Amino acid sequence: MSSQNGFVPPPRLAGWLVDLFASAKEADSVAGDLAEEFSTIARTSGVAEARHWFWRQTAKTIAYLIKAQLRSGLWVIAAAAIGGFLGRWYFSRLTNPLVQQTIEAVLDRYRLYDQNVQTYLFLYNNSMMLERLLVNALLGVLIAWAARGRELTATIVLALLGDVLAIEAVITGFAQTGDAGLLWTLPWTFAFSIAIVLGGAAVRIRRSTV
């Protein structure tokens, strides 16, 4: 929607995404350059064309910012991602027995297994997954806190690392056993990755407002 003086603002979501990846020093200049070019295209080619251009340029800008952060802080990002991956594995191995016992105790208290086995299994499995979802979100917060200025890049690298290894494990398991049920673990894997990135985004937003 344009204002009374004819000014049309760029898509807010696209601008917000750029801000998430840009450093504090880059944010104002990058946003200013994009907004200026957007206004020029809106005047000459129309608002619709300007919006399409802005979204395309947003994707290119984010890709450029990620590459720049990888070049300037590869070891920091790699250390954060690998440390986060190993930390998640160790934490899960350490806490899973306790979490399982707690969920079982709660469900057994209400004798759900005796009443309905399917409901019991559904609640048990999904409770475990929700706990892991929360753990991954908190992991994203920790990794983003450690990778200051590269919060989103570090959490994306960690998320992609987990996705690649999970997909490889599912493909290998399916090839060996033919169990198609393994494929249904992938949506949860991708949800865990999204939780990690959202945790990183939360830290980035917090830091940008301080």
N, C-alpha and C. Protein backbone atom coordinates (compact mmCIF):
# COMPACT_ATOMS: atom_id res chain seq x y z
N MET A 1 0.86 -1.18 0.00
CA MET A 1 0.00 0.00 0.00
C MET A 1 0.89 1.23 0.00
N SER A 2 0.60 2.21 -0.85
CA SER A 2 1.40 3.42 -0.94
C SER A 2 0.89 4.45 0.04
N SER A 3 1.72 5.37 0.43
CA SER A 3 1.35 6.43 1.33
C SER A 3 0.84 7.61 0.53
N GLN A 4 0.49 8.72 1.18
CA GLN A 4 -0.10 9.85 0.51
C GLN A 4 0.87 10.52 -0.45
N ASN A 5 2.17 10.48 -0.19
CA ASN A 5 3.14 11.10 -1.08
C ASN A 5 3.58 10.18 -2.21
N GLY A 6 2.94 9.02 -2.33
CA GLY A 6 3.24 8.11 -3.42
C GLY A 6 4.34 7.13 -3.13
N PHE A 7 4.94 7.17 -1.96
CA PHE A 7 6.03 6.25 -1.62
C PHE A 7 5.48 4.85 -1.40
N VAL A 8 6.13 3.87 -2.02
CA VAL A 8 5.74 2.47 -1.86
C VAL A 8 6.89 1.75 -1.15
N PRO A 9 6.67 1.21 0.03
CA PRO A 9 7.75 0.53 0.76
C PRO A 9 8.06 -0.83 0.15
N PRO A 10 9.29 -1.28 0.24
CA PRO A 10 9.65 -2.64 -0.22
C PRO A 10 8.92 -3.69 0.62
N PRO A 11 8.86 -4.93 0.14
CA PRO A 11 8.25 -6.00 0.94
C PRO A 11 8.96 -6.14 2.29
N ARG A 12 8.19 -6.02 3.35
CA ARG A 12 8.78 -6.02 4.69
C ARG A 12 9.44 -7.35 5.04
N LEU A 13 8.79 -8.45 4.64
CA LEU A 13 9.35 -9.76 4.98
C LEU A 13 10.71 -9.95 4.32
N ALA A 14 10.83 -9.56 3.07
CA ALA A 14 12.11 -9.70 2.37
C ALA A 14 13.18 -8.85 3.05
N GLY A 15 12.82 -7.61 3.39
CA GLY A 15 13.79 -6.76 4.08
C GLY A 15 14.20 -7.32 5.43
N TRP A 16 13.24 -7.91 6.13
CA TRP A 16 13.53 -8.51 7.44
C TRP A 16 14.49 -9.68 7.30
N LEU A 17 14.32 -10.49 6.24
CA LEU A 17 15.20 -11.63 6.03
C LEU A 17 16.63 -11.17 5.75
N VAL A 18 16.77 -10.11 4.99
CA VAL A 18 18.11 -9.58 4.72
C VAL A 18 18.75 -9.10 6.03
N ASP A 19 17.98 -8.43 6.85
CA ASP A 19 18.49 -7.94 8.13
C ASP A 19 18.98 -9.07 9.03
N LEU A 20 18.34 -10.24 8.93
CA LEU A 20 18.74 -11.37 9.76
C LEU A 20 20.15 -11.84 9.43
N PHE A 21 20.51 -11.72 8.15
CA PHE A 21 21.81 -12.24 7.71
C PHE A 21 22.90 -11.17 7.70
N ALA A 22 22.51 -9.92 7.57
CA ALA A 22 23.50 -8.84 7.51
C ALA A 22 24.03 -8.53 8.91
N SER A 23 25.30 -8.17 8.97
CA SER A 23 25.87 -7.76 10.24
C SER A 23 25.33 -6.39 10.61
N ALA A 24 25.58 -5.98 11.84
CA ALA A 24 25.10 -4.67 12.29
C ALA A 24 25.66 -3.55 11.43
N LYS A 25 26.92 -3.69 10.98
CA LYS A 25 27.54 -2.66 10.16
C LYS A 25 26.95 -2.65 8.74
N GLU A 26 26.56 -3.82 8.25
CA GLU A 26 26.07 -3.93 6.87
C GLU A 26 24.58 -3.62 6.75
N ALA A 27 23.83 -3.83 7.81
CA ALA A 27 22.37 -3.83 7.72
C ALA A 27 21.82 -2.54 7.12
N ASP A 28 22.26 -1.40 7.64
CA ASP A 28 21.69 -0.13 7.18
C ASP A 28 22.04 0.16 5.72
N SER A 29 23.31 -0.08 5.35
CA SER A 29 23.73 0.22 3.99
C SER A 29 23.07 -0.71 2.98
N VAL A 30 22.99 -2.00 3.32
CA VAL A 30 22.36 -2.97 2.41
C VAL A 30 20.88 -2.65 2.24
N ALA A 31 20.20 -2.40 3.36
CA ALA A 31 18.78 -2.07 3.29
C ALA A 31 18.54 -0.79 2.52
N GLY A 32 19.41 0.20 2.72
CA GLY A 32 19.27 1.47 2.02
C GLY A 32 19.44 1.33 0.52
N ASP A 33 20.45 0.56 0.11
CA ASP A 33 20.70 0.35 -1.32
C ASP A 33 19.53 -0.37 -1.98
N LEU A 34 19.03 -1.41 -1.33
CA LEU A 34 17.91 -2.16 -1.90
C LEU A 34 16.65 -1.29 -1.98
N ALA A 35 16.39 -0.52 -0.94
CA ALA A 35 15.19 0.32 -0.92
C ALA A 35 15.26 1.40 -2.00
N GLU A 36 16.45 1.95 -2.19
CA GLU A 36 16.61 2.99 -3.21
C GLU A 36 16.37 2.43 -4.61
N GLU A 37 16.95 1.26 -4.88
CA GLU A 37 16.75 0.63 -6.19
C GLU A 37 15.30 0.21 -6.38
N PHE A 38 14.68 -0.26 -5.31
CA PHE A 38 13.27 -0.64 -5.37
C PHE A 38 12.40 0.55 -5.78
N SER A 39 12.65 1.70 -5.18
CA SER A 39 11.87 2.90 -5.49
C SER A 39 12.04 3.30 -6.94
N THR A 40 13.28 3.18 -7.45
CA THR A 40 13.54 3.53 -8.84
C THR A 40 12.78 2.61 -9.79
N ILE A 41 12.82 1.31 -9.53
CA ILE A 41 12.13 0.35 -10.39
C ILE A 41 10.61 0.53 -10.28
N ALA A 42 10.12 0.83 -9.08
CA ALA A 42 8.68 1.04 -8.90
C ALA A 42 8.20 2.22 -9.73
N ARG A 43 9.02 3.28 -9.82
CA ARG A 43 8.61 4.46 -10.60
C ARG A 43 8.66 4.20 -12.09
N THR A 44 9.65 3.43 -12.51
CA THR A 44 9.85 3.25 -13.96
C THR A 44 9.12 2.04 -14.54
N SER A 45 9.00 0.97 -13.74
CA SER A 45 8.42 -0.28 -14.27
C SER A 45 7.18 -0.75 -13.54
N GLY A 46 6.81 -0.08 -12.47
CA GLY A 46 5.62 -0.48 -11.73
C GLY A 46 5.97 -1.21 -10.44
N VAL A 47 5.01 -1.18 -9.52
CA VAL A 47 5.23 -1.77 -8.20
C VAL A 47 5.39 -3.29 -8.28
N ALA A 48 4.59 -3.94 -9.13
CA ALA A 48 4.66 -5.41 -9.21
C ALA A 48 6.05 -5.85 -9.66
N GLU A 49 6.58 -5.22 -10.68
CA GLU A 49 7.92 -5.58 -11.16
C GLU A 49 8.96 -5.28 -10.10
N ALA A 50 8.79 -4.18 -9.36
CA ALA A 50 9.74 -3.82 -8.30
C ALA A 50 9.73 -4.87 -7.18
N ARG A 51 8.55 -5.36 -6.84
CA ARG A 51 8.47 -6.38 -5.80
C ARG A 51 9.14 -7.68 -6.24
N HIS A 52 8.89 -8.07 -7.49
CA HIS A 52 9.56 -9.27 -8.01
C HIS A 52 11.06 -9.10 -7.97
N TRP A 53 11.53 -7.93 -8.40
CA TRP A 53 12.98 -7.67 -8.38
C TRP A 53 13.51 -7.73 -6.95
N PHE A 54 12.78 -7.15 -6.02
CA PHE A 54 13.24 -7.08 -4.63
C PHE A 54 13.39 -8.48 -4.05
N TRP A 55 12.44 -9.37 -4.33
CA TRP A 55 12.54 -10.72 -3.82
C TRP A 55 13.71 -11.47 -4.45
N ARG A 56 13.91 -11.28 -5.76
CA ARG A 56 15.06 -11.92 -6.41
C ARG A 56 16.37 -11.40 -5.83
N GLN A 57 16.42 -10.10 -5.64
CA GLN A 57 17.63 -9.51 -5.10
C GLN A 57 17.84 -9.91 -3.64
N THR A 58 16.76 -10.12 -2.92
CA THR A 58 16.87 -10.59 -1.54
C THR A 58 17.57 -11.94 -1.49
N ALA A 59 17.14 -12.87 -2.35
CA ALA A 59 17.77 -14.20 -2.39
C ALA A 59 19.25 -14.09 -2.74
N LYS A 60 19.58 -13.24 -3.72
CA LYS A 60 20.97 -13.07 -4.12
C LYS A 60 21.79 -12.43 -3.00
N THR A 61 21.20 -11.46 -2.33
CA THR A 61 21.91 -10.78 -1.25
C THR A 61 22.18 -11.71 -0.08
N ILE A 62 21.18 -12.52 0.28
CA ILE A 62 21.38 -13.47 1.37
C ILE A 62 22.46 -14.48 1.02
N ALA A 63 22.44 -14.99 -0.23
CA ALA A 63 23.47 -15.92 -0.67
C ALA A 63 24.85 -15.27 -0.60
N TYR A 64 24.93 -14.02 -1.00
CA TYR A 64 26.21 -13.30 -0.95
C TYR A 64 26.68 -13.13 0.50
N LEU A 65 25.76 -12.76 1.38
CA LEU A 65 26.12 -12.55 2.79
C LEU A 65 26.59 -13.85 3.43
N ILE A 66 25.92 -14.96 3.10
CA ILE A 66 26.34 -16.26 3.65
C ILE A 66 27.74 -16.61 3.17
N LYS A 67 28.00 -16.43 1.87
CA LYS A 67 29.33 -16.72 1.32
C LYS A 67 30.39 -15.85 1.99
N ALA A 68 30.06 -14.57 2.17
CA ALA A 68 31.02 -13.66 2.80
C ALA A 68 31.32 -14.08 4.24
N GLN A 69 30.30 -14.50 4.96
CA GLN A 69 30.50 -14.94 6.34
C GLN A 69 31.29 -16.23 6.41
N LEU A 70 31.05 -17.11 5.44
CA LEU A 70 31.83 -18.36 5.40
C LEU A 70 33.30 -18.08 5.10
N ARG A 71 33.54 -17.13 4.21
CA ARG A 71 34.94 -16.79 3.87
C ARG A 71 35.65 -16.14 5.05
N SER A 72 34.96 -15.22 5.73
CA SER A 72 35.61 -14.47 6.80
C SER A 72 35.65 -15.21 8.14
N GLY A 73 34.75 -16.16 8.32
CA GLY A 73 34.70 -16.85 9.61
C GLY A 73 34.44 -18.33 9.48
N LEU A 74 35.13 -18.95 8.50
CA LEU A 74 34.88 -20.37 8.23
C LEU A 74 35.13 -21.23 9.45
N TRP A 75 36.23 -20.97 10.15
CA TRP A 75 36.59 -21.83 11.27
C TRP A 75 35.64 -21.64 12.45
N VAL A 76 35.19 -20.42 12.64
CA VAL A 76 34.22 -20.17 13.71
C VAL A 76 32.91 -20.89 13.43
N ILE A 77 32.44 -20.78 12.19
CA ILE A 77 31.18 -21.41 11.82
C ILE A 77 31.31 -22.93 11.85
N ALA A 78 32.43 -23.45 11.33
CA ALA A 78 32.64 -24.90 11.32
C ALA A 78 32.72 -25.44 12.75
N ALA A 79 33.43 -24.73 13.61
CA ALA A 79 33.55 -25.17 15.01
C ALA A 79 32.20 -25.14 15.71
N ALA A 80 31.42 -24.09 15.45
CA ALA A 80 30.10 -23.99 16.07
C ALA A 80 29.17 -25.10 15.58
N ALA A 81 29.20 -25.37 14.27
CA ALA A 81 28.32 -26.39 13.70
C ALA A 81 28.71 -27.79 14.18
N ILE A 82 30.00 -28.10 14.11
CA ILE A 82 30.45 -29.44 14.52
C ILE A 82 30.27 -29.60 16.03
N GLY A 83 30.60 -28.56 16.78
CA GLY A 83 30.40 -28.63 18.22
C GLY A 83 28.94 -28.80 18.58
N GLY A 84 28.07 -28.10 17.85
CA GLY A 84 26.63 -28.24 18.09
C GLY A 84 26.13 -29.62 17.76
N PHE A 85 26.63 -30.18 16.66
CA PHE A 85 26.21 -31.53 16.26
C PHE A 85 26.63 -32.56 17.30
N LEU A 86 27.89 -32.50 17.73
CA LEU A 86 28.37 -33.45 18.73
C LEU A 86 27.69 -33.23 20.08
N GLY A 87 27.45 -31.96 20.41
CA GLY A 87 26.76 -31.66 21.65
C GLY A 87 25.34 -32.21 21.67
N ARG A 88 24.66 -32.08 20.53
CA ARG A 88 23.30 -32.61 20.45
C ARG A 88 23.31 -34.13 20.60
N TRP A 89 24.26 -34.78 19.94
CA TRP A 89 24.35 -36.25 20.04
C TRP A 89 24.61 -36.68 21.48
N TYR A 90 25.56 -36.00 22.13
CA TYR A 90 25.92 -36.39 23.50
C TYR A 90 24.77 -36.10 24.46
N PHE A 91 24.14 -34.94 24.30
CA PHE A 91 23.04 -34.58 25.19
C PHE A 91 21.88 -35.55 25.03
N SER A 92 21.56 -35.90 23.78
CA SER A 92 20.46 -36.84 23.54
C SER A 92 20.76 -38.20 24.15
N ARG A 93 21.99 -38.65 23.97
CA ARG A 93 22.37 -39.95 24.53
C ARG A 93 22.31 -39.94 26.04
N LEU A 94 22.65 -38.79 26.62
CA LEU A 94 22.68 -38.68 28.07
C LEU A 94 21.29 -38.57 28.68
N THR A 95 20.40 -37.85 28.00
CA THR A 95 19.09 -37.53 28.59
C THR A 95 17.95 -38.41 28.09
N ASN A 96 18.11 -39.07 26.96
CA ASN A 96 17.00 -39.86 26.41
C ASN A 96 16.43 -40.88 27.39
N PRO A 97 17.28 -41.64 28.11
CA PRO A 97 16.70 -42.60 29.07
C PRO A 97 15.83 -41.92 30.12
N LEU A 98 16.27 -40.79 30.65
CA LEU A 98 15.49 -40.08 31.66
C LEU A 98 14.18 -39.55 31.06
N VAL A 99 14.26 -38.99 29.85
CA VAL A 99 13.05 -38.48 29.19
C VAL A 99 12.06 -39.61 28.92
N GLN A 100 12.56 -40.73 28.44
CA GLN A 100 11.70 -41.88 28.19
C GLN A 100 11.02 -42.36 29.47
N GLN A 101 11.78 -42.45 30.54
CA GLN A 101 11.21 -42.90 31.81
C GLN A 101 10.15 -41.92 32.32
N THR A 102 10.39 -40.63 32.14
CA THR A 102 9.43 -39.63 32.60
C THR A 102 8.13 -39.72 31.80
N ILE A 103 8.24 -39.83 30.48
CA ILE A 103 7.04 -39.93 29.64
C ILE A 103 6.27 -41.21 29.96
N GLU A 104 7.00 -42.30 30.12
CA GLU A 104 6.35 -43.57 30.45
C GLU A 104 5.63 -43.47 31.80
N ALA A 105 6.26 -42.83 32.76
CA ALA A 105 5.65 -42.71 34.08
C ALA A 105 4.35 -41.90 34.02
N VAL A 106 4.36 -40.82 33.23
CA VAL A 106 3.16 -40.00 33.10
C VAL A 106 2.05 -40.78 32.42
N LEU A 107 2.37 -41.46 31.33
CA LEU A 107 1.36 -42.21 30.60
C LEU A 107 0.84 -43.40 31.40
N ASP A 108 1.75 -44.05 32.12
CA ASP A 108 1.33 -45.20 32.93
C ASP A 108 0.44 -44.78 34.09
N ARG A 109 0.65 -43.57 34.57
CA ARG A 109 -0.17 -43.09 35.68
C ARG A 109 -1.65 -43.06 35.29
N TYR A 110 -1.90 -42.74 34.04
CA TYR A 110 -3.28 -42.69 33.56
C TYR A 110 -3.70 -43.98 32.86
N ARG A 111 -2.85 -44.99 32.95
CA ARG A 111 -3.14 -46.34 32.43
C ARG A 111 -3.60 -46.30 30.98
N LEU A 112 -2.93 -45.47 30.19
CA LEU A 112 -3.32 -45.34 28.78
C LEU A 112 -3.01 -46.60 27.98
N TYR A 113 -1.94 -47.29 28.37
CA TYR A 113 -1.59 -48.51 27.63
C TYR A 113 -2.70 -49.55 27.74
N ASP A 114 -3.27 -49.65 28.91
CA ASP A 114 -4.36 -50.62 29.11
C ASP A 114 -5.62 -50.20 28.38
N GLN A 115 -5.84 -48.90 28.25
CA GLN A 115 -7.07 -48.41 27.64
C GLN A 115 -7.00 -48.41 26.12
N ASN A 116 -5.88 -47.94 25.59
CA ASN A 116 -5.75 -47.85 24.14
C ASN A 116 -4.27 -47.85 23.77
N VAL A 117 -3.80 -48.95 23.22
CA VAL A 117 -2.38 -49.09 22.90
C VAL A 117 -1.95 -48.08 21.85
N GLN A 118 -2.79 -47.87 20.83
CA GLN A 118 -2.43 -46.95 19.75
C GLN A 118 -2.29 -45.51 20.28
N THR A 119 -3.19 -45.11 21.15
CA THR A 119 -3.10 -43.77 21.74
C THR A 119 -1.83 -43.64 22.58
N TYR A 120 -1.53 -44.69 23.33
CA TYR A 120 -0.33 -44.71 24.15
C TYR A 120 0.92 -44.52 23.28
N LEU A 121 1.02 -45.30 22.20
CA LEU A 121 2.19 -45.21 21.32
C LEU A 121 2.28 -43.86 20.63
N PHE A 122 1.12 -43.32 20.24
CA PHE A 122 1.10 -42.01 19.58
C PHE A 122 1.62 -40.94 20.52
N LEU A 123 1.11 -40.91 21.74
CA LEU A 123 1.54 -39.90 22.70
C LEU A 123 2.99 -40.09 23.10
N TYR A 124 3.40 -41.35 23.26
CA TYR A 124 4.77 -41.63 23.65
C TYR A 124 5.75 -41.14 22.58
N ASN A 125 5.53 -41.55 21.33
CA ASN A 125 6.44 -41.19 20.24
C ASN A 125 6.47 -39.69 20.00
N ASN A 126 5.30 -39.06 19.98
CA ASN A 126 5.25 -37.64 19.69
C ASN A 126 5.77 -36.80 20.85
N SER A 127 5.62 -37.29 22.07
CA SER A 127 6.21 -36.58 23.21
C SER A 127 7.73 -36.57 23.11
N MET A 128 8.29 -37.70 22.71
CA MET A 128 9.73 -37.77 22.51
C MET A 128 10.18 -36.79 21.44
N MET A 129 9.43 -36.74 20.33
CA MET A 129 9.80 -35.86 19.23
C MET A 129 9.67 -34.38 19.62
N LEU A 130 8.63 -34.04 20.37
CA LEU A 130 8.45 -32.66 20.81
C LEU A 130 9.58 -32.24 21.75
N GLU A 131 10.02 -33.16 22.59
CA GLU A 131 11.15 -32.86 23.48
C GLU A 131 12.40 -32.60 22.66
N ARG A 132 12.61 -33.38 21.62
CA ARG A 132 13.78 -33.18 20.77
C ARG A 132 13.65 -31.87 19.98
N LEU A 133 12.44 -31.52 19.62
CA LEU A 133 12.21 -30.26 18.92
C LEU A 133 12.64 -29.08 19.79
N LEU A 134 12.26 -29.14 21.06
CA LEU A 134 12.65 -28.09 22.00
C LEU A 134 14.16 -28.07 22.20
N VAL A 135 14.76 -29.24 22.32
CA VAL A 135 16.21 -29.32 22.50
C VAL A 135 16.94 -28.70 21.31
N ASN A 136 16.45 -28.96 20.10
CA ASN A 136 17.09 -28.41 18.91
C ASN A 136 16.94 -26.89 18.84
N ALA A 137 15.79 -26.38 19.26
CA ALA A 137 15.61 -24.92 19.30
C ALA A 137 16.60 -24.29 20.28
N LEU A 138 16.76 -24.90 21.44
CA LEU A 138 17.72 -24.39 22.44
C LEU A 138 19.15 -24.52 21.92
N LEU A 139 19.41 -25.59 21.18
CA LEU A 139 20.73 -25.76 20.58
C LEU A 139 21.02 -24.63 19.60
N GLY A 140 20.00 -24.28 18.80
CA GLY A 140 20.16 -23.17 17.87
C GLY A 140 20.49 -21.88 18.58
N VAL A 141 19.88 -21.66 19.73
CA VAL A 141 20.16 -20.47 20.53
C VAL A 141 21.62 -20.47 20.98
N LEU A 142 22.11 -21.59 21.47
CA LEU A 142 23.48 -21.68 21.96
C LEU A 142 24.50 -21.48 20.84
N ILE A 143 24.24 -22.12 19.69
CA ILE A 143 25.17 -21.99 18.57
C ILE A 143 25.19 -20.56 18.05
N ALA A 144 24.03 -19.94 17.96
CA ALA A 144 23.97 -18.55 17.49
C ALA A 144 24.67 -17.61 18.47
N TRP A 145 24.54 -17.88 19.75
CA TRP A 145 25.21 -17.06 20.75
C TRP A 145 26.73 -17.18 20.60
N ALA A 146 27.21 -18.37 20.28
CA ALA A 146 28.65 -18.58 20.11
C ALA A 146 29.18 -17.97 18.82
N ALA A 147 28.37 -17.97 17.77
CA ALA A 147 28.79 -17.48 16.46
C ALA A 147 28.30 -16.05 16.25
N ARG A 148 28.65 -15.17 17.10
CA ARG A 148 28.17 -13.79 17.07
C ARG A 148 28.47 -13.15 15.71
N GLY A 149 27.45 -12.51 15.13
CA GLY A 149 27.58 -11.89 13.82
C GLY A 149 27.36 -12.84 12.67
N ARG A 150 27.34 -14.13 12.97
CA ARG A 150 27.13 -15.15 11.94
C ARG A 150 26.07 -16.15 12.41
N GLU A 151 25.11 -15.66 13.16
CA GLU A 151 24.13 -16.52 13.82
C GLU A 151 23.38 -17.43 12.85
N LEU A 152 22.82 -16.82 11.81
CA LEU A 152 22.00 -17.60 10.88
C LEU A 152 22.84 -18.54 10.03
N THR A 153 24.00 -18.08 9.61
CA THR A 153 24.86 -18.95 8.80
C THR A 153 25.30 -20.17 9.59
N ALA A 154 25.69 -19.99 10.84
CA ALA A 154 26.14 -21.11 11.66
C ALA A 154 25.02 -22.11 11.90
N THR A 155 23.82 -21.62 12.21
CA THR A 155 22.72 -22.54 12.49
C THR A 155 22.24 -23.24 11.21
N ILE A 156 22.31 -22.55 10.08
CA ILE A 156 21.94 -23.20 8.81
C ILE A 156 22.93 -24.31 8.47
N VAL A 157 24.22 -24.05 8.67
CA VAL A 157 25.23 -25.09 8.41
C VAL A 157 24.99 -26.29 9.31
N LEU A 158 24.70 -26.06 10.58
CA LEU A 158 24.41 -27.16 11.50
C LEU A 158 23.17 -27.92 11.07
N ALA A 159 22.12 -27.19 10.68
CA ALA A 159 20.89 -27.83 10.25
C ALA A 159 21.12 -28.69 9.00
N LEU A 160 21.86 -28.16 8.04
CA LEU A 160 22.13 -28.90 6.81
C LEU A 160 22.98 -30.14 7.09
N LEU A 161 23.93 -29.99 8.00
CA LEU A 161 24.77 -31.14 8.38
C LEU A 161 23.91 -32.27 8.93
N GLY A 162 22.99 -31.92 9.83
CA GLY A 162 22.09 -32.94 10.38
C GLY A 162 21.19 -33.55 9.32
N ASP A 163 20.69 -32.72 8.39
CA ASP A 163 19.81 -33.23 7.33
C ASP A 163 20.54 -34.21 6.43
N VAL A 164 21.75 -33.83 6.02
CA VAL A 164 22.51 -34.69 5.11
C VAL A 164 22.79 -36.05 5.75
N LEU A 165 23.22 -36.05 6.99
CA LEU A 165 23.53 -37.31 7.67
C LEU A 165 22.26 -38.14 7.90
N ALA A 166 21.16 -37.47 8.22
CA ALA A 166 19.91 -38.19 8.43
C ALA A 166 19.40 -38.82 7.13
N ILE A 167 19.47 -38.07 6.04
CA ILE A 167 19.03 -38.60 4.75
C ILE A 167 19.89 -39.78 4.32
N GLU A 168 21.20 -39.65 4.54
CA GLU A 168 22.10 -40.75 4.21
C GLU A 168 21.76 -41.99 5.03
N ALA A 169 21.48 -41.81 6.32
CA ALA A 169 21.15 -42.94 7.19
C ALA A 169 19.84 -43.60 6.76
N VAL A 170 18.86 -42.80 6.38
CA VAL A 170 17.57 -43.35 5.95
C VAL A 170 17.72 -44.12 4.64
N ILE A 171 18.47 -43.56 3.70
CA ILE A 171 18.67 -44.24 2.41
C ILE A 171 19.41 -45.56 2.62
N THR A 172 20.45 -45.53 3.46
CA THR A 172 21.21 -46.75 3.74
C THR A 172 20.33 -47.79 4.43
N GLY A 173 19.55 -47.34 5.43
CA GLY A 173 18.67 -48.26 6.14
C GLY A 173 17.60 -48.84 5.23
N PHE A 174 17.04 -48.01 4.37
CA PHE A 174 16.01 -48.49 3.45
C PHE A 174 16.59 -49.49 2.46
N ALA A 175 17.81 -49.24 1.97
CA ALA A 175 18.46 -50.15 1.03
C ALA A 175 18.75 -51.50 1.67
N GLN A 176 19.06 -51.49 2.96
CA GLN A 176 19.40 -52.73 3.66
C GLN A 176 18.18 -53.51 4.12
N THR A 177 17.15 -52.79 4.54
CA THR A 177 15.99 -53.47 5.14
C THR A 177 14.73 -53.39 4.28
N GLY A 178 14.64 -52.41 3.40
CA GLY A 178 13.42 -52.23 2.62
C GLY A 178 12.28 -51.66 3.44
N ASP A 179 12.57 -51.13 4.63
CA ASP A 179 11.54 -50.59 5.51
C ASP A 179 11.21 -49.16 5.10
N ALA A 180 10.07 -48.99 4.45
CA ALA A 180 9.65 -47.67 3.99
C ALA A 180 9.28 -46.75 5.15
N GLY A 181 9.04 -47.33 6.32
CA GLY A 181 8.71 -46.52 7.48
C GLY A 181 9.83 -45.58 7.88
N LEU A 182 11.06 -45.90 7.49
CA LEU A 182 12.19 -45.03 7.80
C LEU A 182 12.03 -43.65 7.16
N LEU A 183 11.35 -43.62 6.01
CA LEU A 183 11.17 -42.35 5.31
C LEU A 183 10.35 -41.36 6.12
N TRP A 184 9.48 -41.87 6.98
CA TRP A 184 8.61 -40.99 7.76
C TRP A 184 9.34 -40.32 8.92
N THR A 185 10.61 -40.68 9.12
CA THR A 185 11.40 -39.97 10.13
C THR A 185 11.95 -38.65 9.58
N LEU A 186 11.98 -38.51 8.26
CA LEU A 186 12.57 -37.32 7.66
C LEU A 186 11.80 -36.03 7.96
N PRO A 187 10.44 -36.04 7.95
CA PRO A 187 9.75 -34.79 8.32
C PRO A 187 10.15 -34.27 9.69
N TRP A 188 10.32 -35.17 10.65
CA TRP A 188 10.77 -34.72 11.97
C TRP A 188 12.20 -34.20 11.90
N THR A 189 13.04 -34.83 11.10
CA THR A 189 14.41 -34.35 10.93
C THR A 189 14.43 -32.92 10.41
N PHE A 190 13.60 -32.67 9.39
CA PHE A 190 13.53 -31.31 8.83
C PHE A 190 12.93 -30.33 9.85
N ALA A 191 12.00 -30.80 10.66
CA ALA A 191 11.42 -29.94 11.70
C ALA A 191 12.49 -29.58 12.73
N PHE A 192 13.36 -30.54 13.07
CA PHE A 192 14.45 -30.25 14.00
C PHE A 192 15.38 -29.17 13.42
N SER A 193 15.65 -29.28 12.13
CA SER A 193 16.52 -28.31 11.47
C SER A 193 15.90 -26.92 11.49
N ILE A 194 14.61 -26.86 11.23
CA ILE A 194 13.91 -25.57 11.27
C ILE A 194 13.97 -24.98 12.68
N ALA A 195 13.82 -25.84 13.69
CA ALA A 195 13.89 -25.37 15.08
C ALA A 195 15.27 -24.79 15.38
N ILE A 196 16.32 -25.40 14.87
CA ILE A 196 17.68 -24.89 15.08
C ILE A 196 17.82 -23.49 14.49
N VAL A 197 17.36 -23.35 13.25
CA VAL A 197 17.48 -22.05 12.56
C VAL A 197 16.62 -20.99 13.26
N LEU A 198 15.43 -21.38 13.71
CA LEU A 198 14.58 -20.43 14.43
C LEU A 198 15.23 -19.98 15.73
N GLY A 199 15.91 -20.90 16.39
CA GLY A 199 16.66 -20.53 17.59
C GLY A 199 17.73 -19.50 17.27
N GLY A 200 18.44 -19.71 16.15
CA GLY A 200 19.44 -18.74 15.72
C GLY A 200 18.83 -17.40 15.37
N ALA A 201 17.67 -17.44 14.70
CA ALA A 201 16.98 -16.19 14.34
C ALA A 201 16.56 -15.42 15.58
N ALA A 202 16.13 -16.13 16.60
CA ALA A 202 15.72 -15.47 17.85
C ALA A 202 16.89 -14.70 18.47
N VAL A 203 18.07 -15.32 18.46
CA VAL A 203 19.25 -14.65 19.01
C VAL A 203 19.63 -13.45 18.16
N ARG A 204 19.57 -13.62 16.83
CA ARG A 204 19.91 -12.51 15.93
C ARG A 204 18.96 -11.34 16.14
N ILE A 205 17.68 -11.61 16.26
CA ILE A 205 16.71 -10.55 16.48
C ILE A 205 16.94 -9.86 17.80
N ARG A 206 17.23 -10.65 18.81
CA ARG A 206 17.49 -10.09 20.15
C ARG A 206 18.69 -9.17 20.11
N ARG A 207 19.75 -9.58 19.46
CA ARG A 207 20.96 -8.77 19.41
C ARG A 207 20.76 -7.50 18.58
N SER A 208 19.94 -7.59 17.55
CA SER A 208 19.74 -6.42 16.69
C SER A 208 18.89 -5.35 17.37
N THR A 209 18.16 -5.74 18.42
CA THR A 209 17.30 -4.78 19.10
C THR A 209 17.94 -4.20 20.37
N VAL A 210 19.09 -4.75 20.73
CA VAL A 210 19.78 -4.27 21.96
C VAL A 210 20.65 -3.06 21.62
